[in-house]
N, C-alpha and C. Protein backbone atom coordinates (compact mmCIF):
# COMPACT_ATOMS: atom_id res chain seq x y z
N MET A 1 304.77 205.27 240.41
CA MET A 1 303.49 204.57 240.50
C MET A 1 302.51 205.38 241.33
N ASN A 2 301.26 205.24 241.01
CA ASN A 2 300.22 205.94 241.75
C ASN A 2 300.06 205.33 243.14
N ASN A 3 299.60 206.16 244.06
CA ASN A 3 299.19 205.66 245.37
C ASN A 3 297.88 204.92 245.19
N ILE A 4 297.64 203.93 246.03
CA ILE A 4 296.40 203.16 245.97
C ILE A 4 295.64 203.38 247.26
N VAL A 5 294.39 203.80 247.14
CA VAL A 5 293.52 203.98 248.31
C VAL A 5 292.24 203.18 248.08
N PHE A 6 291.59 202.84 249.17
CA PHE A 6 290.38 202.03 249.13
C PHE A 6 289.24 202.79 249.78
N THR A 7 288.07 202.79 249.13
CA THR A 7 286.89 203.39 249.74
C THR A 7 286.40 202.48 250.86
N ASP A 8 285.57 203.02 251.73
CA ASP A 8 284.97 202.19 252.78
C ASP A 8 284.18 201.05 252.17
N HIS A 9 283.48 201.34 251.08
CA HIS A 9 282.69 200.30 250.40
C HIS A 9 283.61 199.17 249.90
N ALA A 10 284.76 199.53 249.32
CA ALA A 10 285.70 198.52 248.83
C ALA A 10 286.18 197.65 249.99
N TYR A 11 286.54 198.27 251.11
CA TYR A 11 286.98 197.49 252.28
C TYR A 11 285.88 196.55 252.77
N TYR A 12 284.65 197.03 252.77
CA TYR A 12 283.53 196.19 253.18
C TYR A 12 283.39 194.99 252.25
N GLN A 13 283.44 195.24 250.94
CA GLN A 13 283.31 194.15 249.97
C GLN A 13 284.48 193.17 250.06
N MET A 14 285.68 193.68 250.30
CA MET A 14 286.85 192.81 250.45
C MET A 14 286.66 191.87 251.63
N LYS A 15 286.15 192.40 252.73
CA LYS A 15 285.92 191.57 253.91
C LYS A 15 284.83 190.54 253.65
N GLU A 16 283.71 190.98 253.09
CA GLU A 16 282.59 190.08 252.80
C GLU A 16 282.97 188.97 251.83
N ARG A 17 283.80 189.30 250.86
CA ARG A 17 284.13 188.36 249.79
C ARG A 17 285.48 187.69 249.96
N LYS A 18 286.12 187.96 251.11
CA LYS A 18 287.41 187.35 251.45
C LYS A 18 288.46 187.58 250.35
N ILE A 19 288.63 188.85 249.98
CA ILE A 19 289.61 189.25 248.98
C ILE A 19 290.65 190.11 249.69
N SER A 20 291.89 189.73 249.59
CA SER A 20 292.95 190.45 250.31
C SER A 20 293.38 191.72 249.58
N GLU A 21 293.85 192.67 250.36
CA GLU A 21 294.40 193.90 249.80
C GLU A 21 295.61 193.57 248.91
N LYS A 22 296.39 192.59 249.33
CA LYS A 22 297.56 192.16 248.56
C LYS A 22 297.16 191.67 247.17
N SER A 23 296.07 190.91 247.08
CA SER A 23 295.58 190.41 245.79
C SER A 23 295.16 191.56 244.87
N ILE A 24 294.52 192.55 245.45
CA ILE A 24 294.05 193.68 244.65
C ILE A 24 295.23 194.50 244.14
N ILE A 25 296.20 194.75 245.01
CA ILE A 25 297.38 195.51 244.59
C ILE A 25 298.13 194.76 243.50
N ALA A 26 298.26 193.44 243.64
CA ALA A 26 298.93 192.63 242.60
C ALA A 26 298.17 192.73 241.28
N ALA A 27 296.84 192.71 241.33
CA ALA A 27 296.03 192.82 240.11
C ALA A 27 296.19 194.21 239.48
N LEU A 28 296.23 195.25 240.31
CA LEU A 28 296.41 196.60 239.79
C LEU A 28 297.78 196.75 239.11
N ASN A 29 298.77 196.05 239.62
CA ASN A 29 300.11 196.13 239.05
C ASN A 29 300.30 195.25 237.82
N ASN A 30 299.44 194.24 237.65
CA ASN A 30 299.60 193.31 236.53
C ASN A 30 298.23 192.78 236.07
N PRO A 31 297.39 193.64 235.51
CA PRO A 31 296.04 193.22 235.11
C PRO A 31 296.06 192.40 233.82
N ASP A 32 295.03 191.58 233.64
CA ASP A 32 294.86 190.87 232.37
C ASP A 32 294.11 191.73 231.36
N ARG A 33 293.21 192.55 231.85
CA ARG A 33 292.45 193.43 230.97
C ARG A 33 291.94 194.63 231.77
N ILE A 34 291.89 195.78 231.10
CA ILE A 34 291.31 196.98 231.69
C ILE A 34 290.32 197.56 230.68
N LYS A 35 289.11 197.85 231.16
CA LYS A 35 288.08 198.48 230.33
C LYS A 35 287.72 199.81 230.96
N SER A 36 287.60 200.85 230.15
CA SER A 36 287.15 202.15 230.66
C SER A 36 285.65 202.12 230.81
N GLN A 37 285.17 202.61 231.95
CA GLN A 37 283.74 202.75 232.17
C GLN A 37 283.31 204.20 231.97
N THR A 38 284.12 205.13 232.50
CA THR A 38 283.93 206.56 232.28
C THR A 38 285.32 207.15 232.09
N ASN A 39 285.42 208.47 232.06
CA ASN A 39 286.74 209.09 231.89
C ASN A 39 287.74 208.66 232.95
N GLN A 40 287.31 208.60 234.20
CA GLN A 40 288.22 208.25 235.27
C GLN A 40 287.99 206.85 235.83
N ARG A 41 286.81 206.28 235.67
CA ARG A 41 286.50 204.98 236.27
C ARG A 41 286.85 203.85 235.30
N LYS A 42 287.52 202.83 235.84
CA LYS A 42 287.95 201.69 235.03
C LYS A 42 287.58 200.38 235.71
N GLN A 43 287.47 199.35 234.89
CA GLN A 43 287.20 197.99 235.36
C GLN A 43 288.41 197.14 235.03
N LEU A 44 289.05 196.64 236.05
CA LEU A 44 290.23 195.79 235.89
C LEU A 44 289.82 194.34 236.07
N ILE A 45 290.36 193.46 235.25
CA ILE A 45 290.05 192.03 235.34
C ILE A 45 291.35 191.26 235.45
N LYS A 46 291.39 190.35 236.42
CA LYS A 46 292.57 189.50 236.63
C LYS A 46 292.11 188.06 236.81
N LEU A 47 292.61 187.17 235.97
CA LEU A 47 292.28 185.75 236.06
C LEU A 47 293.11 185.10 237.15
N PHE A 48 292.48 184.23 237.95
CA PHE A 48 293.21 183.47 238.97
C PHE A 48 292.50 182.15 239.20
N GLN A 49 293.17 181.26 239.92
CA GLN A 49 292.59 179.96 240.24
C GLN A 49 292.38 179.84 241.74
N ARG A 50 291.24 179.24 242.09
CA ARG A 50 290.91 178.94 243.48
C ARG A 50 290.27 177.56 243.49
N ASN A 51 290.83 176.65 244.26
CA ASN A 51 290.30 175.28 244.32
C ASN A 51 290.19 174.64 242.94
N LYS A 52 291.21 174.83 242.12
CA LYS A 52 291.32 174.26 240.77
C LYS A 52 290.27 174.77 239.79
N ARG A 53 289.59 175.87 240.13
CA ARG A 53 288.63 176.49 239.22
C ARG A 53 289.12 177.87 238.84
N LYS A 54 288.80 178.31 237.64
CA LYS A 54 289.20 179.63 237.17
C LYS A 54 288.15 180.67 237.54
N TYR A 55 288.63 181.81 238.00
CA TYR A 55 287.79 182.93 238.38
C TYR A 55 288.42 184.22 237.89
N PHE A 56 287.61 185.27 237.87
CA PHE A 56 288.11 186.60 237.64
C PHE A 56 287.98 187.42 238.91
N LEU A 57 289.03 188.14 239.22
CA LEU A 57 288.96 189.19 240.21
C LEU A 57 288.65 190.46 239.43
N VAL A 58 287.57 191.12 239.78
CA VAL A 58 287.16 192.35 239.10
C VAL A 58 287.31 193.50 240.10
N VAL A 59 288.06 194.51 239.69
CA VAL A 59 288.31 195.68 240.52
C VAL A 59 287.82 196.91 239.77
N ILE A 60 286.91 197.64 240.38
CA ILE A 60 286.43 198.90 239.82
C ILE A 60 287.17 200.01 240.56
N TYR A 61 287.85 200.86 239.78
CA TYR A 61 288.63 201.92 240.42
C TYR A 61 288.59 203.19 239.60
N GLU A 62 288.91 204.28 240.27
CA GLU A 62 289.02 205.59 239.63
C GLU A 62 290.48 205.99 239.66
N GLU A 63 290.94 206.61 238.58
CA GLU A 63 292.36 206.93 238.49
C GLU A 63 292.55 208.38 238.07
N ASN A 64 293.45 209.04 238.78
CA ASN A 64 293.95 210.33 238.32
C ASN A 64 295.47 210.26 238.39
N ARG A 65 296.14 211.34 238.22
CA ARG A 65 297.62 211.29 238.15
C ARG A 65 298.28 210.79 239.42
N GLN A 66 297.72 211.09 240.56
CA GLN A 66 298.36 210.73 241.82
C GLN A 66 297.80 209.48 242.48
N VAL A 67 296.54 209.13 242.22
CA VAL A 67 295.88 208.10 243.04
C VAL A 67 295.05 207.14 242.19
N LYS A 68 295.09 205.87 242.56
CA LYS A 68 294.11 204.89 242.10
C LYS A 68 293.21 204.61 243.29
N LYS A 69 291.92 204.96 243.17
CA LYS A 69 290.97 204.77 244.26
C LYS A 69 290.09 203.57 243.94
N VAL A 70 290.24 202.50 244.71
CA VAL A 70 289.45 201.28 244.52
C VAL A 70 288.06 201.53 245.08
N VAL A 71 287.05 201.38 244.21
CA VAL A 71 285.67 201.66 244.56
C VAL A 71 284.97 200.39 245.05
N THR A 72 285.13 199.29 244.32
CA THR A 72 284.55 198.01 244.73
C THR A 72 285.32 196.88 244.08
N VAL A 73 285.14 195.68 244.63
CA VAL A 73 285.81 194.49 244.12
C VAL A 73 284.87 193.29 244.24
N PHE A 74 285.02 192.34 243.32
CA PHE A 74 284.27 191.09 243.43
C PHE A 74 284.98 190.01 242.64
N VAL A 75 284.57 188.77 242.90
CA VAL A 75 285.08 187.61 242.21
C VAL A 75 283.93 186.98 241.44
N THR A 76 284.20 186.54 240.21
CA THR A 76 283.16 185.90 239.41
C THR A 76 283.74 184.73 238.64
N SER A 77 282.90 183.76 238.37
CA SER A 77 283.30 182.63 237.54
C SER A 77 282.74 182.77 236.12
N LYS A 78 282.05 183.87 235.84
CA LYS A 78 281.44 184.11 234.53
C LYS A 78 282.48 184.67 233.57
N ILE A 79 283.39 183.80 233.16
CA ILE A 79 284.53 184.21 232.36
C ILE A 79 284.09 184.76 231.01
N LYS A 80 283.10 184.13 230.35
CA LYS A 80 282.66 184.60 229.04
C LYS A 80 282.05 186.00 229.10
N LYS A 81 281.44 186.34 230.22
CA LYS A 81 280.82 187.65 230.37
C LYS A 81 281.85 188.76 230.45
N TYR A 82 283.00 188.48 231.06
CA TYR A 82 283.98 189.53 231.30
C TYR A 82 285.20 189.49 230.40
N PHE A 83 285.37 188.41 229.63
CA PHE A 83 286.59 188.32 228.82
C PHE A 83 286.29 188.03 227.38
């Protein structure tokens, strides 16, 4: 498996949006959908529930052979937009 690293921006967004590193790693290991944005940058989507409502955890990351670098993360309830 690739190593996972987080940019400073990703850590800032995780703190602001109350998203745990554990949640992101779990999503990277078992995504619901992955879309390519560029050759190396990808958008990962993972469905989850919070307070009985459905949300998506969206993780933007760059991948090469050795590393998955998490660029930013956010949570959205706009399921139709992302799925």
